C-alpha atoms as a PDB file:
ATOM      1  CA  MET A   1      16.497   1.882  -0.789  1.00  0.00           C
ATOM      2  CA  SER A   2      15.710  -1.319   1.050  1.00  0.00           C
ATOM      3  CA  GLY A   3      17.604  -4.558   0.478  1.00  0.00           C
ATOM      4  CA  ASN A   4      14.991  -5.662  -2.036  1.00  0.00           C
ATOM      5  CA  VAL A   5      14.635  -4.170  -5.473  1.00  0.00           C
ATOM      6  CA  LYS A   6      10.982  -5.329  -5.691  1.00  0.00           C
ATOM      7  CA  GLY A   7       8.366  -4.797  -3.042  1.00  0.00           C
ATOM      8  CA  ILE A   8       4.822  -4.126  -2.000  1.00  0.00           C
ATOM      9  CA  VAL A   9       3.781  -0.730  -0.618  1.00  0.00           C
ATOM     10  CA  ILE A  10       0.710  -0.134   1.527  1.00  0.00           C
ATOM     11  CA  ILE A  11      -0.315   3.364   2.639  1.00  0.00           C
ATOM     12  CA  ALA A  12      -2.082   4.134   5.943  1.00  0.00           C
ATOM     13  CA  VAL A  13      -3.009   7.796   6.340  1.00  0.00           C
ATOM     14  CA  GLY A  14      -5.776   9.937   7.755  1.00  0.00           C
ATOM     15  CA  PHE A  15      -7.737   7.511   9.892  1.00  0.00           C
ATOM     16  CA  PRO A  16      -6.854   4.692  12.338  1.00  0.00           C
ATOM     17  CA  CYS A  17      -8.840   2.115  10.347  1.00  0.00           C
ATOM     18  CA  TYR A  18      -6.259   2.308   7.529  1.00  0.00           C
ATOM     19  CA  GLY A  19      -3.453   1.277   9.864  1.00  0.00           C
ATOM     20  CA  THR A  20      -5.484  -1.676  11.069  1.00  0.00           C
ATOM     21  CA  TRP A  21      -6.380  -2.678   7.520  1.00  0.00           C
ATOM     22  CA  ALA A  22      -2.754  -2.305   6.378  1.00  0.00           C
ATOM     23  CA  PHE A  23      -1.642  -4.581   9.207  1.00  0.00           C
ATOM     24  CA  ASN A  24      -4.260  -7.190   8.256  1.00  0.00           C
ATOM     25  CA  LEU A  25      -3.366  -6.988   4.564  1.00  0.00           C
ATOM     26  CA  CYS A  26       0.323  -7.406   5.356  1.00  0.00           C
ATOM     27  CA  MET A  27      -0.461 -10.420   7.562  1.00  0.00           C
ATOM     28  CA  SER A  28      -2.400 -12.065   4.735  1.00  0.00           C
ATOM     29  CA  ILE A  29       0.356 -11.340   2.210  1.00  0.00           C
ATOM     30  CA  LYS A  30       3.027 -12.754   4.533  1.00  0.00           C
ATOM     31  CA  ALA A  31       0.934 -15.837   5.369  1.00  0.00           C
ATOM     32  CA  ASN A  32       0.822 -16.775   1.702  1.00  0.00           C
ATOM     33  CA  ASP A  33       4.135 -15.304   0.542  1.00  0.00           C
ATOM     34  CA  PRO A  34       6.554 -15.086   3.516  1.00  0.00           C
ATOM     35  CA  GLY A  35       9.398 -13.800   1.338  1.00  0.00           C
ATOM     36  CA  ALA A  36       7.452 -10.812   0.054  1.00  0.00           C
ATOM     37  CA  SER A  37       8.914  -7.457   1.026  1.00  0.00           C
ATOM     38  CA  VAL A  38       6.184  -5.148   2.329  1.00  0.00           C
ATOM     39  CA  THR A  39       6.690  -1.499   3.262  1.00  0.00           C
ATOM     40  CA  LEU A  40       4.142   0.647   5.056  1.00  0.00           C
ATOM     41  CA  LEU A  41       3.995   4.365   4.276  1.00  0.00           C
ATOM     42  CA  TYR A  42       2.070   6.076   7.069  1.00  0.00           C
ATOM     43  CA  ASP A  43       1.147   9.176   8.994  1.00  0.00           C
ATOM     44  CA  GLN A  44       0.468   9.250  12.741  1.00  0.00           C
ATOM     45  CA  LYS A  45      -3.307   9.444  12.200  1.00  0.00           C
ATOM     46  CA  GLY A  46      -3.238   6.265  10.149  1.00  0.00           C
ATOM     47  CA  PHE A  47      -0.788   4.141  12.097  1.00  0.00           C
ATOM     48  CA  GLY A  48       0.200   5.784  15.378  1.00  0.00           C
ATOM     49  CA  HIS A  49      -2.310   3.754  17.392  1.00  0.00           C
ATOM     50  CA  ILE A  50      -0.776   0.383  16.432  1.00  0.00           C
ATOM     51  CA  LYS A  51       2.826   1.368  15.756  1.00  0.00           C
ATOM     52  CA  THR A  52       4.035  -1.308  18.195  1.00  0.00           C
ATOM     53  CA  PHE A  53       2.956  -3.846  15.564  1.00  0.00           C
ATOM     54  CA  ASP A  54       5.245  -2.435  12.886  1.00  0.00           C
ATOM     55  CA  TYR A  55       7.447  -5.551  13.069  1.00  0.00           C
ATOM     56  CA  ILE A  56       5.160  -7.375  10.600  1.00  0.00           C
ATOM     57  CA  PHE A  57       6.310  -5.004   7.834  1.00  0.00           C
ATOM     58  CA  ASN A  58       9.784  -5.233   6.334  1.00  0.00           C
ATOM     59  CA  SER A  59       9.999  -1.483   6.778  1.00  0.00           C
ATOM     60  CA  THR A  60       7.828   1.429   7.815  1.00  0.00           C
ATOM     61  CA  ILE A  61       8.320   4.972   6.574  1.00  0.00           C
ATOM     62  CA  GLU A  62       6.567   8.013   7.996  1.00  0.00           C
ATOM     63  CA  ILE A  63       5.449  10.154   5.094  1.00  0.00           C
ATOM     64  CA  PRO A  64       7.104  13.595   5.163  1.00  0.00           C
ATOM     65  CA  ALA A  65       4.682  16.496   5.665  1.00  0.00           C
ATOM     66  CA  GLU A  66       5.294  17.891   2.171  1.00  0.00           C
ATOM     67  CA  PHE A  67       3.812  14.702   0.700  1.00  0.00           C
ATOM     68  CA  MET A  68       0.662  15.079   2.799  1.00  0.00           C
ATOM     69  CA  GLN A  69      -0.354  18.507   1.508  1.00  0.00           C
ATOM     70  CA  SER A  70      -1.548  20.051  -1.720  1.00  0.00           C
ATOM     71  CA  ASN A  71      -2.110  23.800  -2.080  1.00  0.00           C
ATOM     72  CA  GLY A  72      -1.618  24.238   1.661  1.00  0.00           C
ATOM     73  CA  MET A  73      -4.335  21.748   2.606  1.00  0.00           C
ATOM     74  CA  GLU A  74      -4.145  18.178   3.857  1.00  0.00           C
ATOM     75  CA  SER A  75      -4.391  15.726   0.976  1.00  0.00           C
ATOM     76  CA  LEU A  76      -4.785  12.041   1.772  1.00  0.00           C
ATOM     77  CA  LEU A  77      -4.448  11.153  -1.919  1.00  0.00           C
ATOM     78  CA  ARG A  78      -1.141  12.920  -2.474  1.00  0.00           C
ATOM     79  CA  PRO A  79       1.026  10.049  -1.131  1.00  0.00           C
ATOM     80  CA  LYS A  80      -0.454   7.817  -3.851  1.00  0.00           C
ATOM     81  CA  VAL A  81       0.407  10.204  -6.656  1.00  0.00           C
ATOM     82  CA  CYS A  82       3.886  10.671  -5.155  1.00  0.00           C
ATOM     83  CA  LEU A  83       4.484   6.935  -4.857  1.00  0.00           C
ATOM     84  CA  TYR A  84       7.558   7.007  -7.114  1.00  0.00           C
ATOM     85  CA  ASP A  85       9.183   9.447  -4.695  1.00  0.00           C
ATOM     86  CA  LEU A  86       8.090   7.602  -1.547  1.00  0.00           C
ATOM     87  CA  SER A  87       8.638   3.943  -2.426  1.00  0.00           C
ATOM     88  CA  PRO A  88      11.934   2.433  -1.301  1.00  0.00           C
ATOM     89  CA  TYR A  89      11.815  -0.046  -4.222  1.00  0.00           C
ATOM     90  CA  GLU A  90      12.862   0.121  -7.856  1.00  0.00           C
ATOM     91  CA  GLU A  91       9.794  -1.960  -8.738  1.00  0.00           C
ATOM     92  CA  THR A  92       6.691  -1.321  -6.638  1.00  0.00           C
ATOM     93  CA  ILE A  93       3.283  -2.873  -6.396  1.00  0.00           C
ATOM     94  CA  PHE A  94       0.990  -0.564  -4.458  1.00  0.00           C
ATOM     95  CA  ILE A  95      -2.064  -2.093  -2.795  1.00  0.00           C
ATOM     96  CA  ASP A  96      -4.731  -0.033  -1.045  1.00  0.00           C
ATOM     97  CA  ALA A  97      -4.946  -0.851   2.658  1.00  0.00           C
ATOM     98  CA  ASP A  98      -8.639  -1.721   2.401  1.00  0.00           C
ATOM     99  CA  VAL A  99      -8.003  -4.595  -0.013  1.00  0.00           C
ATOM    100  CA  ILE A 100      -8.543  -8.181   1.032  1.00  0.00           C
ATOM    101  CA  GLY A 101      -5.938 -10.676  -0.167  1.00  0.00           C
ATOM    102  CA  PHE A 102      -6.772 -14.251  -1.071  1.00  0.00           C
ATOM    103  CA  PRO A 103      -4.338 -17.169  -0.867  1.00  0.00           C
ATOM    104  CA  LYS A 104      -4.547 -18.588  -4.402  1.00  0.00           C
ATOM    105  CA  LYS A 105      -1.313 -17.006  -5.666  1.00  0.00           C
ATOM    106  CA  LYS A 106       1.743 -15.345  -4.194  1.00  0.00           C
ATOM    107  CA  ILE A 107       1.643 -11.582  -4.510  1.00  0.00           C
ATOM    108  CA  SER A 108       5.283 -11.627  -5.603  1.00  0.00           C
ATOM    109  CA  ASP A 109       4.216 -13.557  -8.743  1.00  0.00           C
ATOM    110  CA  LEU A 110       2.720 -10.285  -9.992  1.00  0.00           C
ATOM    111  CA  PHE A 111       6.214  -8.925 -10.594  1.00  0.00           C
ATOM    112  CA  GLU A 112       6.813 -11.616 -13.229  1.00  0.00           C
ATOM    113  CA  ILE A 113       3.343 -11.177 -14.733  1.00  0.00           C
ATOM    114  CA  LEU A 114       3.850  -7.397 -14.998  1.00  0.00           C
ATOM    115  CA  LYS A 115       7.548  -7.429 -15.950  1.00  0.00           C
ATOM    116  CA  ASP A 116       6.964  -5.701 -19.317  1.00  0.00           C
ATOM    117  CA  VAL A 117       4.393  -3.209 -17.997  1.00  0.00           C
ATOM    118  CA  ASP A 118       5.656   0.198 -16.894  1.00  0.00           C
ATOM    119  CA  PHE A 119       2.455   1.306 -15.175  1.00  0.00           C
ATOM    120  CA  THR A 120      -0.965  -0.219 -14.667  1.00  0.00           C
ATOM    121  CA  ILE A 121      -3.962   0.187 -12.423  1.00  0.00           C
ATOM    122  CA  GLY A 122      -6.254  -2.661 -11.486  1.00  0.00           C
ATOM    123  CA  ASN A 123      -9.738  -2.107 -10.170  1.00  0.00           C
ATOM    124  CA  ARG A 124     -12.078  -5.012  -9.710  1.00  0.00           C
ATOM    125  CA  GLY A 125     -14.991  -3.153  -8.165  1.00  0.00           C
ATOM    126  CA  VAL A 126     -18.468  -4.551  -8.526  1.00  0.00           C
ATOM    127  CA  ILE A 127     -20.500  -1.334  -8.580  1.00  0.00           C
ATOM    128  CA  ASP A 128     -22.419  -0.779 -11.797  1.00  0.00           C
ATOM    129  CA  PRO A 129     -22.706   3.027 -12.137  1.00  0.00           C
ATOM    130  CA  VAL A 130     -25.736   2.687 -14.454  1.00  0.00           C
ATOM    131  CA  GLN A 131     -27.611   0.581 -11.903  1.00  0.00           C
ATOM    132  CA  GLU A 132     -26.486   2.793  -9.008  1.00  0.00           C
ATOM    133  CA  SER A 133     -27.885   5.925 -10.666  1.00  0.00           C
ATOM    134  CA  LYS A 134     -31.421   4.475 -10.946  1.00  0.00           C
END
């Protein structure tokens, strides 16, 4: 476990773009909330190309192979469903690497807002499935 009990986890697996996006997301989080603890969970496909920039994260953890497979096949979603096992924090906020952060509030304020919530998922997509099917 890291020195912090609460932290943000970003996952970069499968494709180089996720490592780049994770780096950018971490930079935006740190610009607005320098004290936030951010950990990157990665595989070599997702982060190997920019690993020299790992200093922006509080910690980086390469995801063990057993958390990258399901039924003998590569599974890029499995690290998300195994987040409790992979996170170094007691309290974790997971943010997809392809999210854009905005500077109106500190990300660490979410821990107080969600203090009585055991598990939640937020999705603020703008796709209307009814309109998309027409």
